[in-house]
């Protein structure tokens, strides 16, 4: 199970998200760059590959650059 703050993959549909917390058998994930959070059963959460992590980080960095300062 990826730790809080790490990127993970929802094995049900392949979405990548940052792990926010685990509560019992559920894991709460947030998409890179923001957006609605979702809940995934812990048994369906997989660690993100290095390529998926890279894409997710680029998405976050790009999103940060678009926010008003």
Protein backbone atom coordinates (compact mmCIF):
# COMPACT_ATOMS: atom_id res chain seq x y z
CA UNK A 1 0.00 0.00 0.00
CA UNK A 2 1.47 3.36 -1.00
CA UNK A 3 1.92 5.78 1.89
CA UNK A 4 -0.02 9.01 2.29
CA UNK A 5 1.32 11.57 -0.16
CA UNK A 6 2.50 8.97 -2.67
CA UNK A 7 0.93 8.41 -6.07
CA UNK A 8 -1.14 5.29 -6.59
CA UNK A 9 -3.29 3.72 -9.28
CA UNK A 10 -6.94 2.80 -8.88
CA UNK A 11 -6.81 -0.71 -10.34
CA UNK A 12 -10.49 -0.62 -11.22
CA UNK A 13 -10.13 2.02 -13.93
CA UNK A 14 -6.44 3.00 -14.08
CA UNK A 15 -6.82 6.52 -12.65
CA UNK A 16 -3.73 7.88 -10.93
CA UNK A 17 -4.11 9.85 -7.71
CA UNK A 18 -2.22 11.05 -4.68
CA UNK A 19 -3.04 9.04 -1.56
CA UNK A 20 -4.68 11.28 1.02
CA UNK A 21 -5.54 8.73 3.67
CA UNK A 22 -6.52 5.17 4.37
CA UNK A 23 -9.51 4.47 6.54
CA UNK A 24 -10.18 0.81 7.13
CA UNK A 25 -10.62 -0.89 3.77
CA UNK A 26 -10.90 2.36 1.80
CA UNK A 27 -8.30 4.73 0.38
CA UNK A 28 -9.05 8.35 -0.51
CA UNK A 29 -7.25 9.61 -3.64
CA UNK A 30 -6.97 13.04 -5.29
CA UNK A 31 -6.13 13.45 -8.97
CA UNK A 32 -2.87 15.23 -9.80
CA UNK A 33 -3.43 18.92 -10.36
CA UNK A 34 -6.66 18.94 -8.33
CA UNK A 35 -10.20 17.89 -8.93
CA UNK A 36 -12.75 15.78 -7.11
CA UNK A 37 -11.37 13.21 -4.72
CA UNK A 38 -12.55 9.63 -4.90
CA UNK A 39 -12.56 6.57 -2.70
CA UNK A 40 -11.14 3.23 -3.76
CA UNK A 41 -11.15 -0.14 -2.00
CA UNK A 42 -7.66 -0.73 -0.55
CA UNK A 43 -7.31 -4.07 -2.36
CA UNK A 44 -7.62 -2.24 -5.71
CA UNK A 45 -4.90 0.36 -4.98
CA UNK A 46 -1.53 -0.28 -6.63
CA UNK A 47 1.70 1.72 -6.46
CA UNK A 48 2.17 4.02 -9.44
CA UNK A 49 4.99 3.17 -11.84
CA UNK A 50 7.85 5.67 -12.28
CA UNK A 51 6.32 6.81 -15.58
CA UNK A 52 2.91 7.37 -14.00
CA UNK A 53 4.53 9.33 -11.15
CA UNK A 54 6.40 11.51 -13.64
CA UNK A 55 3.24 12.29 -15.62
CA UNK A 56 1.34 13.05 -12.41
CA UNK A 57 4.07 15.41 -11.15
CA UNK A 58 4.17 17.24 -14.50
CA UNK A 59 0.39 17.67 -14.29
CA UNK A 60 0.71 19.12 -10.78
CA UNK A 61 3.53 21.47 -11.76
CA UNK A 62 1.63 22.69 -14.80
CA UNK A 63 -1.46 23.28 -12.68
CA UNK A 64 0.55 25.24 -10.10
CA UNK A 65 1.87 27.48 -12.89
CA UNK A 66 -1.68 28.38 -13.95
CA UNK A 67 -2.90 29.54 -10.55
CA UNK A 68 -3.09 33.27 -9.85
CA UNK A 69 -0.34 34.52 -7.55
